[in-house]
Amino acid sequence: MANIISDETIDYVGILAKLELSDEEKEKAKKDMEEMLDYIDKLNELDTSDVEPMSHVFPVNNVFREDVVTNGDGTKQTLANAPEQKDDSFVVPKTIVG
């Protein structure tokens, strides 16, 4: 089944793609698009009734893992050299911008 692409379709695709095509480029694009559509028609001839639909070529699995602390939170080491601390936090001077 031969697909025929009109000049208007090529012009419209050129506008969408923001391309300025010469007459020669338009003819090549028309030929290429017709070949692509012919290939799609050929693929549509295949019997895919027993093929399970998929969204990705490769299997996609989430790699979630349990969030487990293995080395502690380091609070004591972090605050070890703090000049002043309160309730496991640094104490810093108040800063007020006015």
C-alpha atoms as a PDB file:
ATOM      1  CA  MET A   1       0.000   0.000   0.000  1.00  0.00           C
ATOM      2  CA  ALA A   2       1.647   3.194  -1.155  1.00  0.00           C
ATOM      3  CA  ASN A   3       1.319   6.142   1.174  1.00  0.00           C
ATOM      4  CA  ILE A   4       1.274   9.486  -0.555  1.00  0.00           C
ATOM      5  CA  ILE A   5       2.378  12.544   1.382  1.00  0.00           C
ATOM      6  CA  SER A   6       1.069  15.852   0.086  1.00  0.00           C
ATOM      7  CA  ASP A   7       3.094  19.020  -0.327  1.00  0.00           C
ATOM      8  CA  GLU A   8       0.830  20.637   2.272  1.00  0.00           C
ATOM      9  CA  THR A   9       1.748  17.957   4.816  1.00  0.00           C
ATOM     10  CA  ILE A  10       5.464  18.520   4.211  1.00  0.00           C
ATOM     11  CA  ASP A  11       4.979  22.293   4.535  1.00  0.00           C
ATOM     12  CA  TYR A  12       3.028  21.794   7.788  1.00  0.00           C
ATOM     13  CA  VAL A  13       5.665  19.460   9.259  1.00  0.00           C
ATOM     14  CA  GLY A  14       8.322  21.994   8.257  1.00  0.00           C
ATOM     15  CA  ILE A  15       6.434  24.718  10.116  1.00  0.00           C
ATOM     16  CA  LEU A  16       6.042  22.517  13.214  1.00  0.00           C
ATOM     17  CA  ALA A  17       9.734  21.621  13.146  1.00  0.00           C
ATOM     18  CA  LYS A  18      10.684  25.252  12.406  1.00  0.00           C
ATOM     19  CA  LEU A  19      12.594  24.186   9.316  1.00  0.00           C
ATOM     20  CA  GLU A  20      13.035  26.048   6.075  1.00  0.00           C
ATOM     21  CA  LEU A  21      13.283  23.359   3.415  1.00  0.00           C
ATOM     22  CA  SER A  22      14.303  23.837  -0.186  1.00  0.00           C
ATOM     23  CA  ASP A  23      12.185  22.202  -2.893  1.00  0.00           C
ATOM     24  CA  GLU A  24      14.783  19.436  -3.166  1.00  0.00           C
ATOM     25  CA  GLU A  25      14.719  18.845   0.618  1.00  0.00           C
ATOM     26  CA  LYS A  26      10.912  18.795   0.592  1.00  0.00           C
ATOM     27  CA  GLU A  27      10.903  16.086  -2.087  1.00  0.00           C
ATOM     28  CA  LYS A  28      13.451  14.019  -0.127  1.00  0.00           C
ATOM     29  CA  ALA A  29      11.445  14.457   3.087  1.00  0.00           C
ATOM     30  CA  LYS A  30       8.265  13.430   1.279  1.00  0.00           C
ATOM     31  CA  LYS A  31       9.969  10.297  -0.072  1.00  0.00           C
ATOM     32  CA  ASP A  32      11.411   9.447   3.369  1.00  0.00           C
ATOM     33  CA  MET A  33       8.037   9.884   5.088  1.00  0.00           C
ATOM     34  CA  GLU A  34       6.321   7.708   2.484  1.00  0.00           C
ATOM     35  CA  GLU A  35       8.936   4.983   3.055  1.00  0.00           C
ATOM     36  CA  MET A  36       8.428   5.207   6.839  1.00  0.00           C
ATOM     37  CA  LEU A  37       4.660   4.888   6.499  1.00  0.00           C
ATOM     38  CA  ASP A  38       5.066   1.952   4.072  1.00  0.00           C
ATOM     39  CA  TYR A  39       7.298   0.242   6.639  1.00  0.00           C
ATOM     40  CA  ILE A  40       4.708   0.810   9.374  1.00  0.00           C
ATOM     41  CA  ASP A  41       2.053  -0.689   7.099  1.00  0.00           C
ATOM     42  CA  LYS A  42       4.326  -3.699   6.599  1.00  0.00           C
ATOM     43  CA  LEU A  43       4.712  -4.082  10.377  1.00  0.00           C
ATOM     44  CA  ASN A  44       0.927  -3.912  10.771  1.00  0.00           C
ATOM     45  CA  GLU A  45       0.682  -7.092   8.691  1.00  0.00           C
ATOM     46  CA  LEU A  46       2.344  -9.072  11.503  1.00  0.00           C
ATOM     47  CA  ASP A  47       0.156 -11.165  13.794  1.00  0.00           C
ATOM     48  CA  THR A  48       0.793  -9.785  17.280  1.00  0.00           C
ATOM     49  CA  SER A  49      -2.285 -11.253  18.965  1.00  0.00           C
ATOM     50  CA  ASP A  50      -0.124 -13.464  21.217  1.00  0.00           C
ATOM     51  CA  VAL A  51       2.371 -10.708  22.084  1.00  0.00           C
ATOM     52  CA  GLU A  52       1.948  -9.020  25.445  1.00  0.00           C
ATOM     53  CA  PRO A  53       1.983  -5.208  25.204  1.00  0.00           C
ATOM     54  CA  MET A  54       4.884  -3.474  26.928  1.00  0.00           C
ATOM     55  CA  SER A  55       5.836   0.058  27.785  1.00  0.00           C
ATOM     56  CA  HIS A  56       9.615  -0.453  27.785  1.00  0.00           C
ATOM     57  CA  VAL A  57      11.977  -2.613  25.784  1.00  0.00           C
ATOM     58  CA  PHE A  58      13.812  -3.689  28.927  1.00  0.00           C
ATOM     59  CA  PRO A  59      12.150  -4.775  32.186  1.00  0.00           C
ATOM     60  CA  VAL A  60      11.739  -1.831  34.539  1.00  0.00           C
ATOM     61  CA  ASN A  61      11.734  -2.601  38.247  1.00  0.00           C
ATOM     62  CA  ASN A  62      11.820  -0.207  41.167  1.00  0.00           C
ATOM     63  CA  VAL A  63      14.924  -0.679  43.259  1.00  0.00           C
ATOM     64  CA  PHE A  64      13.488   0.440  46.555  1.00  0.00           C
ATOM     65  CA  ARG A  65      15.255  -0.711  49.674  1.00  0.00           C
ATOM     66  CA  GLU A  66      14.449  -0.360  53.323  1.00  0.00           C
ATOM     67  CA  ASP A  67      15.909   2.822  54.801  1.00  0.00           C
ATOM     68  CA  VAL A  68      18.115   1.462  57.585  1.00  0.00           C
ATOM     69  CA  VAL A  69      20.742   3.496  59.439  1.00  0.00           C
ATOM     70  CA  THR A  70      23.931   1.459  59.519  1.00  0.00           C
ATOM     71  CA  ASN A  71      26.528   3.909  60.812  1.00  0.00           C
ATOM     72  CA  GLY A  72      24.547   6.045  63.278  1.00  0.00           C
ATOM     73  CA  ASP A  73      23.647   9.677  62.842  1.00  0.00           C
ATOM     74  CA  GLY A  74      27.025  11.084  63.947  1.00  0.00           C
ATOM     75  CA  THR A  75      25.475  13.690  66.245  1.00  0.00           C
ATOM     76  CA  LYS A  76      28.039  13.286  69.018  1.00  0.00           C
ATOM     77  CA  GLN A  77      30.996  13.484  66.629  1.00  0.00           C
ATOM     78  CA  THR A  78      29.477  16.472  64.819  1.00  0.00           C
ATOM     79  CA  LEU A  79      28.941  18.429  68.033  1.00  0.00           C
ATOM     80  CA  ALA A  80      32.213  17.366  69.672  1.00  0.00           C
ATOM     81  CA  ASN A  81      34.044  20.604  68.758  1.00  0.00           C
ATOM     82  CA  ALA A  82      31.058  22.952  68.987  1.00  0.00           C
ATOM     83  CA  PRO A  83      31.789  25.926  71.255  1.00  0.00           C
ATOM     84  CA  GLU A  84      28.217  25.742  72.559  1.00  0.00           C
ATOM     85  CA  GLN A  85      25.424  23.207  72.105  1.00  0.00           C
ATOM     86  CA  LYS A  86      21.904  22.600  73.339  1.00  0.00           C
ATOM     87  CA  ASP A  87      19.552  19.641  72.731  1.00  0.00           C
ATOM     88  CA  ASP A  88      21.891  18.005  70.179  1.00  0.00           C
ATOM     89  CA  SER A  89      22.113  21.250  68.157  1.00  0.00           C
ATOM     90  CA  PHE A  90      24.625  24.025  67.637  1.00  0.00           C
ATOM     91  CA  VAL A  91      23.992  27.265  69.519  1.00  0.00           C
ATOM     92  CA  VAL A  92      24.716  30.266  67.328  1.00  0.00           C
ATOM     93  CA  PRO A  93      24.302  33.981  67.826  1.00  0.00           C
ATOM     94  CA  LYS A  94      20.975  35.500  66.820  1.00  0.00           C
ATOM     95  CA  THR A  95      21.033  37.235  63.479  1.00  0.00           C
ATOM     96  CA  ILE A  96      18.366  39.827  62.808  1.00  0.00           C
ATOM     97  CA  VAL A  97      18.228  41.606  59.488  1.00  0.00           C
ATOM     98  CA  GLY A  98      16.225  44.781  59.554  1.00  0.00           C
END
